[in-house]
Amino acid sequence: MKNLITILAFSALFLFNTDSVAAQVSVAESSANLKSNTSITDKRVGALENFLEKYNSPLAPYSGVFIETADKYELDWRLIPAITGVESTFGKRIPYESFNAYGWANGEYRFTSWEESIEIVGEALRTKYEDKGAVSINQIARRYAPPSSTWAGKVKFFMRKIEAYPLDFDLEV
């Protein structure tokens, strides 16, 4: 009976959601814009948090900050977390107390908190990259990580993994 209720609740959730997950899926290809086409913040936060927890990332509790910052600067919600995957294994390999999960200034820059780091990197991606014509991951890579020929592909890989990560539904009250 418990399983039947869970299945029915999940089915109702899916059927009455006009923004289906399938409609939100977009692949981060070389010409992909940085702006995400989804506006369902709570689902993105949950998916990102679950994804980062899978990697034992110290950034998992800041999933909401990633989403808010991406929305504020009109960036793809997966971009900043994907960069942390490439640069620091999602914040696990950083200089001591630097909060620099982005390889910022070749890892030499020290932020005062995770929130500050997300904000500064988000603002810079908007103002120093996208607003100046770098609107695809490949274009960002030329400025962010020269002379790497693999950085863009790795960022796109993590963006796809983040987007495809399933939500854990806790339907029991």
N, C-alpha and C. Protein backbone atom coordinates (compact mmCIF):
# COMPACT_ATOMS: atom_id res chain seq x y z
N MET A 1 0.83 -1.19 0.00
CA MET A 1 0.00 0.00 0.00
C MET A 1 0.87 1.26 0.00
N LYS A 2 1.93 1.23 0.82
CA LYS A 2 2.84 2.36 0.90
C LYS A 2 3.48 2.64 -0.46
N ASN A 3 3.87 1.57 -1.17
CA ASN A 3 4.46 1.73 -2.50
C ASN A 3 3.46 2.30 -3.49
N LEU A 4 2.21 1.87 -3.41
CA LEU A 4 1.16 2.37 -4.31
C LEU A 4 0.95 3.85 -4.09
N ILE A 5 0.92 4.29 -2.84
CA ILE A 5 0.75 5.72 -2.53
C ILE A 5 1.93 6.51 -3.06
N THR A 6 3.13 6.00 -2.88
CA THR A 6 4.33 6.68 -3.38
C THR A 6 4.28 6.80 -4.90
N ILE A 7 3.91 5.75 -5.58
CA ILE A 7 3.83 5.76 -7.05
C ILE A 7 2.77 6.75 -7.51
N LEU A 8 1.61 6.74 -6.87
CA LEU A 8 0.54 7.67 -7.23
C LEU A 8 0.95 9.12 -6.99
N ALA A 9 1.60 9.38 -5.88
CA ALA A 9 2.04 10.74 -5.58
C ALA A 9 3.07 11.21 -6.59
N PHE A 10 4.01 10.36 -6.93
CA PHE A 10 5.02 10.72 -7.92
C PHE A 10 4.39 10.95 -9.29
N SER A 11 3.45 10.09 -9.66
CA SER A 11 2.77 10.23 -10.96
C SER A 11 2.02 11.54 -11.03
N ALA A 12 1.31 11.89 -9.97
CA ALA A 12 0.57 13.16 -9.94
C ALA A 12 1.53 14.33 -10.04
N LEU A 13 2.63 14.27 -9.33
CA LEU A 13 3.64 15.33 -9.38
C LEU A 13 4.14 15.51 -10.79
N PHE A 14 4.41 14.43 -11.48
CA PHE A 14 4.94 14.49 -12.84
C PHE A 14 3.88 14.95 -13.83
N LEU A 15 2.67 14.42 -13.72
CA LEU A 15 1.61 14.74 -14.68
C LEU A 15 1.16 16.19 -14.59
N PHE A 16 1.14 16.76 -13.39
CA PHE A 16 0.65 18.12 -13.23
C PHE A 16 1.74 19.16 -13.33
N ASN A 17 2.94 18.75 -13.56
CA ASN A 17 4.05 19.68 -13.73
C ASN A 17 4.12 20.06 -15.21
N THR A 18 3.78 21.31 -15.53
CA THR A 18 3.76 21.73 -16.93
C THR A 18 5.15 21.91 -17.50
N ASP A 19 6.12 22.11 -16.63
CA ASP A 19 7.52 22.24 -17.08
C ASP A 19 8.19 20.90 -16.86
N SER A 20 7.94 19.93 -17.71
CA SER A 20 8.49 18.60 -17.50
C SER A 20 10.01 18.63 -17.59
N VAL A 21 10.60 17.70 -16.91
CA VAL A 21 12.05 17.61 -16.91
C VAL A 21 12.59 17.46 -18.32
N ALA A 22 11.91 16.68 -19.15
CA ALA A 22 12.36 16.48 -20.52
C ALA A 22 12.40 17.79 -21.28
N ALA A 23 11.47 18.70 -21.01
CA ALA A 23 11.44 19.98 -21.72
C ALA A 23 12.58 20.88 -21.27
N GLN A 24 13.14 20.62 -20.10
CA GLN A 24 14.19 21.47 -19.57
C GLN A 24 15.59 21.02 -19.99
N VAL A 25 15.72 19.83 -20.47
CA VAL A 25 17.03 19.28 -20.77
C VAL A 25 17.61 19.97 -22.00
N SER A 26 18.81 20.46 -21.84
CA SER A 26 19.53 21.02 -22.97
C SER A 26 20.98 20.61 -22.84
N VAL A 27 21.58 20.24 -23.91
CA VAL A 27 22.95 19.78 -23.87
C VAL A 27 23.87 20.96 -24.03
N ALA A 28 24.92 21.00 -23.23
CA ALA A 28 25.88 22.10 -23.27
C ALA A 28 26.87 21.86 -24.39
N GLU A 29 26.51 22.24 -25.57
CA GLU A 29 27.41 22.09 -26.71
C GLU A 29 28.23 23.36 -26.87
N SER A 30 29.14 23.37 -27.82
CA SER A 30 30.05 24.49 -27.97
C SER A 30 29.33 25.79 -28.26
N SER A 31 28.14 25.74 -28.83
CA SER A 31 27.42 26.97 -29.13
C SER A 31 26.34 27.27 -28.10
N ALA A 32 26.30 26.52 -27.02
CA ALA A 32 25.26 26.71 -26.01
C ALA A 32 25.42 28.06 -25.33
N ASN A 33 24.31 28.77 -25.19
CA ASN A 33 24.34 30.02 -24.45
C ASN A 33 24.46 29.70 -22.98
N LEU A 34 24.91 30.66 -22.20
CA LEU A 34 25.10 30.45 -20.78
C LEU A 34 23.80 30.56 -20.00
N LYS A 35 22.78 31.14 -20.57
CA LYS A 35 21.51 31.32 -19.88
C LYS A 35 20.71 30.03 -19.89
N SER A 36 20.24 29.64 -18.73
CA SER A 36 19.42 28.44 -18.62
C SER A 36 17.99 28.77 -19.00
N ASN A 37 17.26 27.79 -19.53
CA ASN A 37 15.88 28.03 -19.93
C ASN A 37 14.88 27.58 -18.89
N THR A 38 15.31 27.23 -17.74
CA THR A 38 14.41 26.75 -16.71
C THR A 38 14.27 27.77 -15.59
N SER A 39 13.13 27.80 -14.96
CA SER A 39 12.92 28.75 -13.88
C SER A 39 12.43 28.06 -12.61
N ILE A 40 12.62 26.77 -12.52
CA ILE A 40 12.15 26.03 -11.35
C ILE A 40 13.32 25.89 -10.37
N THR A 41 13.47 26.91 -9.54
CA THR A 41 14.61 27.00 -8.65
C THR A 41 14.70 25.83 -7.69
N ASP A 42 13.60 25.48 -7.03
CA ASP A 42 13.69 24.45 -6.01
C ASP A 42 14.16 23.12 -6.57
N LYS A 43 13.74 22.76 -7.77
CA LYS A 43 14.18 21.50 -8.37
C LYS A 43 15.67 21.56 -8.72
N ARG A 44 16.14 22.69 -9.19
CA ARG A 44 17.55 22.83 -9.52
C ARG A 44 18.41 22.76 -8.27
N VAL A 45 17.97 23.40 -7.21
CA VAL A 45 18.72 23.37 -5.95
C VAL A 45 18.83 21.93 -5.45
N GLY A 46 17.72 21.21 -5.44
CA GLY A 46 17.74 19.83 -4.97
C GLY A 46 18.62 18.94 -5.81
N ALA A 47 18.52 19.10 -7.13
CA ALA A 47 19.34 18.28 -8.03
C ALA A 47 20.82 18.59 -7.84
N LEU A 48 21.16 19.87 -7.74
CA LEU A 48 22.57 20.25 -7.57
C LEU A 48 23.09 19.79 -6.22
N GLU A 49 22.30 19.97 -5.19
CA GLU A 49 22.74 19.53 -3.86
C GLU A 49 22.97 18.02 -3.83
N ASN A 50 22.06 17.25 -4.39
CA ASN A 50 22.24 15.80 -4.45
C ASN A 50 23.48 15.43 -5.25
N PHE A 51 23.69 16.11 -6.35
CA PHE A 51 24.87 15.85 -7.19
C PHE A 51 26.15 16.13 -6.41
N LEU A 52 26.24 17.29 -5.78
CA LEU A 52 27.45 17.65 -5.04
C LEU A 52 27.68 16.75 -3.83
N GLU A 53 26.60 16.33 -3.19
CA GLU A 53 26.74 15.39 -2.07
C GLU A 53 27.32 14.07 -2.52
N LYS A 54 26.97 13.65 -3.74
CA LYS A 54 27.51 12.41 -4.29
C LYS A 54 29.04 12.47 -4.34
N TYR A 55 29.58 13.65 -4.57
CA TYR A 55 31.04 13.85 -4.65
C TYR A 55 31.63 14.28 -3.31
N ASN A 56 30.84 14.24 -2.25
CA ASN A 56 31.29 14.69 -0.92
C ASN A 56 31.86 16.10 -0.98
N SER A 57 31.21 16.96 -1.73
CA SER A 57 31.68 18.32 -1.93
C SER A 57 31.32 19.22 -0.76
N PRO A 58 32.27 20.04 -0.31
CA PRO A 58 31.93 21.02 0.72
C PRO A 58 31.00 22.11 0.19
N LEU A 59 30.77 22.11 -1.13
CA LEU A 59 29.91 23.12 -1.76
C LEU A 59 28.43 22.73 -1.75
N ALA A 60 28.10 21.50 -1.40
CA ALA A 60 26.71 21.03 -1.44
C ALA A 60 25.75 21.96 -0.67
N PRO A 61 26.10 22.42 0.53
CA PRO A 61 25.17 23.29 1.25
C PRO A 61 24.96 24.66 0.58
N TYR A 62 25.75 24.97 -0.42
CA TYR A 62 25.66 26.27 -1.09
C TYR A 62 24.97 26.16 -2.45
N SER A 63 24.26 25.08 -2.67
CA SER A 63 23.57 24.86 -3.94
C SER A 63 22.60 25.99 -4.24
N GLY A 64 21.87 26.45 -3.24
CA GLY A 64 20.95 27.56 -3.44
C GLY A 64 21.67 28.84 -3.84
N VAL A 65 22.85 29.05 -3.29
CA VAL A 65 23.65 30.24 -3.64
C VAL A 65 24.10 30.16 -5.09
N PHE A 66 24.50 28.98 -5.54
CA PHE A 66 24.86 28.80 -6.95
C PHE A 66 23.69 29.18 -7.85
N ILE A 67 22.49 28.69 -7.52
CA ILE A 67 21.31 28.93 -8.35
C ILE A 67 20.93 30.42 -8.33
N GLU A 68 20.89 31.01 -7.15
CA GLU A 68 20.55 32.43 -7.04
C GLU A 68 21.53 33.30 -7.83
N THR A 69 22.81 32.99 -7.72
CA THR A 69 23.84 33.77 -8.42
C THR A 69 23.70 33.60 -9.93
N ALA A 70 23.48 32.38 -10.37
CA ALA A 70 23.29 32.15 -11.81
C ALA A 70 22.09 32.92 -12.33
N ASP A 71 21.00 32.91 -11.59
CA ASP A 71 19.82 33.65 -12.01
C ASP A 71 20.08 35.15 -12.01
N LYS A 72 20.76 35.62 -10.99
CA LYS A 72 21.07 37.06 -10.87
C LYS A 72 21.85 37.56 -12.08
N TYR A 73 22.83 36.76 -12.52
CA TYR A 73 23.69 37.17 -13.62
C TYR A 73 23.30 36.54 -14.96
N GLU A 74 22.14 35.89 -14.99
CA GLU A 74 21.61 35.27 -16.20
C GLU A 74 22.60 34.29 -16.83
N LEU A 75 23.14 33.42 -15.98
CA LEU A 75 24.07 32.38 -16.42
C LEU A 75 23.36 31.04 -16.35
N ASP A 76 23.87 30.07 -17.08
CA ASP A 76 23.38 28.70 -16.95
C ASP A 76 23.67 28.24 -15.52
N TRP A 77 22.68 27.71 -14.84
CA TRP A 77 22.80 27.33 -13.43
C TRP A 77 23.85 26.26 -13.17
N ARG A 78 24.25 25.55 -14.21
CA ARG A 78 25.22 24.46 -14.05
C ARG A 78 26.66 24.92 -14.24
N LEU A 79 26.85 26.10 -14.81
CA LEU A 79 28.19 26.54 -15.22
C LEU A 79 29.18 26.67 -14.06
N ILE A 80 28.85 27.46 -13.05
CA ILE A 80 29.81 27.68 -11.96
C ILE A 80 30.12 26.37 -11.23
N PRO A 81 29.11 25.56 -10.87
CA PRO A 81 29.46 24.28 -10.23
C PRO A 81 30.30 23.37 -11.13
N ALA A 82 30.03 23.38 -12.44
CA ALA A 82 30.82 22.55 -13.35
C ALA A 82 32.28 23.00 -13.37
N ILE A 83 32.50 24.31 -13.32
CA ILE A 83 33.88 24.81 -13.28
C ILE A 83 34.58 24.31 -12.02
N THR A 84 33.86 24.26 -10.89
CA THR A 84 34.49 23.75 -9.66
C THR A 84 34.86 22.28 -9.80
N GLY A 85 34.07 21.56 -10.58
CA GLY A 85 34.40 20.14 -10.82
C GLY A 85 35.71 19.99 -11.55
N VAL A 86 35.91 20.82 -12.55
CA VAL A 86 37.14 20.76 -13.35
C VAL A 86 38.34 21.26 -12.55
N GLU A 87 38.15 22.36 -11.87
CA GLU A 87 39.28 23.05 -11.23
C GLU A 87 39.69 22.49 -9.86
N SER A 88 38.74 21.87 -9.13
CA SER A 88 39.08 21.48 -7.76
C SER A 88 38.33 20.25 -7.25
N THR A 89 37.84 19.42 -8.15
CA THR A 89 37.01 18.28 -7.76
C THR A 89 35.90 18.75 -6.81
N PHE A 90 35.16 19.77 -7.27
CA PHE A 90 34.02 20.32 -6.56
C PHE A 90 34.40 20.86 -5.18
N GLY A 91 35.52 21.60 -5.13
CA GLY A 91 35.92 22.28 -3.90
C GLY A 91 36.72 21.45 -2.93
N LYS A 92 37.05 20.23 -3.29
CA LYS A 92 37.79 19.36 -2.37
C LYS A 92 39.30 19.57 -2.42
N ARG A 93 39.79 20.08 -3.53
CA ARG A 93 41.24 20.26 -3.68
C ARG A 93 41.53 21.73 -3.95
N ILE A 94 41.64 22.48 -2.88
CA ILE A 94 41.88 23.92 -2.98
C ILE A 94 43.00 24.31 -2.03
N PRO A 95 43.64 25.45 -2.26
CA PRO A 95 44.60 25.95 -1.27
C PRO A 95 43.89 26.17 0.07
N TYR A 96 44.56 25.88 1.14
CA TYR A 96 43.99 25.92 2.49
C TYR A 96 43.25 27.23 2.75
N GLU A 97 41.98 27.11 3.18
CA GLU A 97 41.12 28.21 3.56
C GLU A 97 41.03 29.32 2.50
N SER A 98 41.13 28.95 1.23
CA SER A 98 41.07 29.95 0.17
C SER A 98 39.67 30.09 -0.42
N PHE A 99 38.83 29.08 -0.24
CA PHE A 99 37.50 29.04 -0.85
C PHE A 99 37.58 29.21 -2.38
N ASN A 100 38.74 28.89 -2.93
CA ASN A 100 38.98 29.06 -4.36
C ASN A 100 38.84 27.71 -5.08
N ALA A 101 37.61 27.37 -5.40
CA ALA A 101 37.33 26.11 -6.10
C ALA A 101 37.34 26.28 -7.61
N TYR A 102 37.76 27.44 -8.08
CA TYR A 102 37.61 27.81 -9.49
C TYR A 102 38.94 27.96 -10.21
N GLY A 103 40.05 27.76 -9.52
CA GLY A 103 41.35 28.00 -10.12
C GLY A 103 41.57 29.49 -10.39
N TRP A 104 40.83 30.34 -9.68
CA TRP A 104 40.88 31.79 -9.89
C TRP A 104 42.29 32.30 -9.65
N ALA A 105 42.81 33.07 -10.60
CA ALA A 105 44.18 33.62 -10.53
C ALA A 105 45.18 32.47 -10.33
N ASN A 106 44.99 31.42 -11.11
CA ASN A 106 45.83 30.22 -11.03
C ASN A 106 45.86 29.63 -9.62
N GLY A 107 44.77 29.77 -8.89
CA GLY A 107 44.66 29.22 -7.55
C GLY A 107 45.23 30.09 -6.47
N GLU A 108 45.76 31.24 -6.83
CA GLU A 108 46.41 32.12 -5.85
C GLU A 108 45.43 33.04 -5.12
N TYR A 109 44.27 33.26 -5.69
CA TYR A 109 43.31 34.19 -5.10
C TYR A 109 42.66 33.56 -3.88
N ARG A 110 42.43 34.37 -2.85
CA ARG A 110 41.77 33.90 -1.64
C ARG A 110 40.46 34.66 -1.46
N PHE A 111 39.38 33.88 -1.41
CA PHE A 111 38.07 34.44 -1.11
C PHE A 111 37.85 34.33 0.39
N THR A 112 36.90 35.08 0.94
CA THR A 112 36.65 35.02 2.38
C THR A 112 35.60 33.97 2.76
N SER A 113 34.82 33.50 1.77
CA SER A 113 33.78 32.50 2.05
C SER A 113 33.36 31.86 0.74
N TRP A 114 32.60 30.77 0.85
CA TRP A 114 32.06 30.14 -0.34
C TRP A 114 31.07 31.08 -1.03
N GLU A 115 30.25 31.77 -0.22
CA GLU A 115 29.28 32.69 -0.80
C GLU A 115 29.97 33.79 -1.61
N GLU A 116 31.02 34.37 -1.03
CA GLU A 116 31.74 35.43 -1.74
C GLU A 116 32.35 34.89 -3.03
N SER A 117 32.91 33.70 -2.98
CA SER A 117 33.55 33.14 -4.17
C SER A 117 32.53 32.91 -5.29
N ILE A 118 31.37 32.40 -4.94
CA ILE A 118 30.33 32.15 -5.94
C ILE A 118 29.88 33.47 -6.56
N GLU A 119 29.69 34.48 -5.72
CA GLU A 119 29.26 35.80 -6.19
C GLU A 119 30.31 36.43 -7.13
N ILE A 120 31.55 36.44 -6.72
CA ILE A 120 32.60 37.07 -7.53
C ILE A 120 32.78 36.35 -8.86
N VAL A 121 32.81 35.04 -8.83
CA VAL A 121 32.97 34.28 -10.07
C VAL A 121 31.74 34.45 -10.97
N GLY A 122 30.55 34.43 -10.40
CA GLY A 122 29.34 34.64 -11.19
C GLY A 122 29.32 36.00 -11.86
N GLU A 123 29.64 37.04 -11.09
CA GLU A 123 29.67 38.39 -11.65
C GLU A 123 30.72 38.50 -12.76
N ALA A 124 31.89 37.92 -12.53
CA ALA A 124 32.96 37.98 -13.54
C ALA A 124 32.57 37.23 -14.81
N LEU A 125 31.93 36.07 -14.66
CA LEU A 125 31.51 35.33 -15.85
C LEU A 125 30.52 36.15 -16.68
N ARG A 126 29.69 36.93 -16.01
CA ARG A 126 28.74 37.79 -16.72
C ARG A 126 29.47 38.99 -17.35
N THR A 127 30.19 39.75 -16.54
CA THR A 127 30.73 41.04 -17.00
C THR A 127 32.02 40.93 -17.81
N LYS A 128 32.86 39.98 -17.48
CA LYS A 128 34.15 39.88 -18.16
C LYS A 128 34.18 38.82 -19.27
N TYR A 129 33.15 38.00 -19.32
CA TYR A 129 33.09 36.96 -20.33
C TYR A 129 31.89 37.15 -21.25
N GLU A 130 30.67 36.86 -20.73
CA GLU A 130 29.50 36.90 -21.60
C GLU A 130 29.24 38.30 -22.16
N ASP A 131 29.30 39.33 -21.32
CA ASP A 131 29.04 40.68 -21.81
C ASP A 131 30.09 41.15 -22.82
N LYS A 132 31.23 40.48 -22.85
CA LYS A 132 32.28 40.83 -23.81
C LYS A 132 32.37 39.84 -24.96
N GLY A 133 31.29 39.08 -25.17
CA GLY A 133 31.20 38.23 -26.35
C GLY A 133 31.49 36.76 -26.17
N ALA A 134 31.94 36.34 -25.01
CA ALA A 134 32.20 34.92 -24.77
C ALA A 134 30.89 34.29 -24.28
N VAL A 135 30.07 33.83 -25.23
CA VAL A 135 28.74 33.33 -24.88
C VAL A 135 28.63 31.81 -24.97
N SER A 136 29.71 31.13 -25.27
CA SER A 136 29.70 29.67 -25.27
C SER A 136 30.83 29.18 -24.37
N ILE A 137 30.73 27.94 -24.00
CA ILE A 137 31.76 27.35 -23.13
C ILE A 137 33.12 27.39 -23.83
N ASN A 138 33.17 27.09 -25.11
CA ASN A 138 34.44 27.14 -25.84
C ASN A 138 35.04 28.53 -25.85
N GLN A 139 34.19 29.55 -26.01
CA GLN A 139 34.70 30.93 -25.99
C GLN A 139 35.19 31.32 -24.60
N ILE A 140 34.49 30.89 -23.58
CA ILE A 140 34.94 31.16 -22.20
C ILE A 140 36.29 30.49 -21.97
N ALA A 141 36.43 29.27 -22.43
CA ALA A 141 37.66 28.50 -22.20
C ALA A 141 38.89 29.22 -22.73
N ARG A 142 38.76 29.88 -23.86
CA ARG A 142 39.90 30.59 -24.45
C ARG A 142 40.45 31.67 -23.53
N ARG A 143 39.56 32.26 -22.73
CA ARG A 143 39.97 33.32 -21.81
C ARG A 143 40.23 32.79 -20.40
N TYR A 144 39.41 31.83 -19.98
CA TYR A 144 39.46 31.33 -18.60
C TYR A 144 40.63 30.38 -18.37
N ALA A 145 40.89 29.52 -19.35
CA ALA A 145 41.88 28.46 -19.13
C ALA A 145 42.79 28.26 -20.34
N PRO A 146 43.40 29.34 -20.83
CA PRO A 146 44.34 29.10 -21.93
C PRO A 146 45.59 28.45 -21.39
N PRO A 147 46.27 27.66 -22.06
CA PRO A 147 46.05 27.19 -23.42
C PRO A 147 45.37 25.83 -23.46
N SER A 148 44.62 25.47 -22.42
CA SER A 148 44.01 24.14 -22.33
C SER A 148 43.09 23.84 -23.51
N SER A 149 43.28 22.68 -24.08
CA SER A 149 42.40 22.23 -25.16
C SER A 149 41.31 21.29 -24.63
N THR A 150 41.33 21.01 -23.33
CA THR A 150 40.37 20.07 -22.76
C THR A 150 39.40 20.71 -21.77
N TRP A 151 39.68 21.91 -21.30
CA TRP A 151 38.88 22.55 -20.26
C TRP A 151 37.41 22.64 -20.65
N ALA A 152 37.11 23.16 -21.83
CA ALA A 152 35.71 23.32 -22.26
C ALA A 152 34.98 21.98 -22.28
N GLY A 153 35.60 20.97 -22.79
CA GLY A 153 34.97 19.65 -22.84
C GLY A 153 34.68 19.11 -21.45
N LYS A 154 35.57 19.36 -20.52
CA LYS A 154 35.36 18.89 -19.14
C LYS A 154 34.22 19.66 -18.47
N VAL A 155 34.17 20.97 -18.70
CA VAL A 155 33.08 21.76 -18.13
C VAL A 155 31.75 21.28 -18.70
N LYS A 156 31.67 21.08 -20.00
CA LYS A 156 30.43 20.59 -20.62
C LYS A 156 30.06 19.21 -20.09
N PHE A 157 31.05 18.36 -19.87
CA PHE A 157 30.80 17.03 -19.30
C PHE A 157 30.10 17.16 -17.95
N PHE A 158 30.65 17.99 -17.07
CA PHE A 158 30.04 18.14 -15.74
C PHE A 158 28.68 18.84 -15.82
N MET A 159 28.51 19.76 -16.75
CA MET A 159 27.20 20.41 -16.91
C MET A 159 26.14 19.38 -17.28
N ARG A 160 26.48 18.48 -18.19
CA ARG A 160 25.53 17.42 -18.57
C ARG A 160 25.25 16.50 -17.40
N LYS A 161 26.28 16.14 -16.63
CA LYS A 161 26.09 15.25 -15.48
C LYS A 161 25.21 15.91 -14.42
N ILE A 162 25.42 17.19 -14.17
CA ILE A 162 24.61 17.91 -13.18
C ILE A 162 23.15 17.93 -13.62
N GLU A 163 22.91 18.28 -14.87
CA GLU A 163 21.54 18.39 -15.37
C GLU A 163 20.82 17.04 -15.35
N ALA A 164 21.53 15.98 -15.62
CA ALA A 164 20.92 14.66 -15.70
C ALA A 164 20.76 14.00 -14.33
N TYR A 165 21.31 14.62 -13.28
CA TYR A 165 21.27 13.98 -11.97
C TYR A 165 19.85 13.94 -11.44
N PRO A 166 19.40 12.76 -11.00
CA PRO A 166 18.01 12.62 -10.57
C PRO A 166 17.79 13.25 -9.20
N LEU A 167 16.57 13.69 -9.02
CA LEU A 167 16.15 14.18 -7.72
C LEU A 167 15.74 12.99 -6.86
N ASP A 168 15.99 13.10 -5.59
CA ASP A 168 15.48 12.11 -4.63
C ASP A 168 14.18 12.66 -4.08
N PHE A 169 13.08 11.97 -4.33
CA PHE A 169 11.79 12.40 -3.81
C PHE A 169 11.53 11.73 -2.49
N ASP A 170 11.24 12.51 -1.49
CA ASP A 170 10.84 11.99 -0.18
C ASP A 170 9.36 12.29 -0.03
N LEU A 171 8.53 11.34 -0.43
CA LEU A 171 7.10 11.55 -0.47
C LEU A 171 6.40 11.13 0.81
N GLU A 172 7.15 10.61 1.75
CA GLU A 172 6.54 10.22 3.01
C GLU A 172 6.54 11.40 3.96
N VAL A 173 5.43 11.56 4.66
CA VAL A 173 5.31 12.70 5.59
C VAL A 173 5.50 12.23 7.00
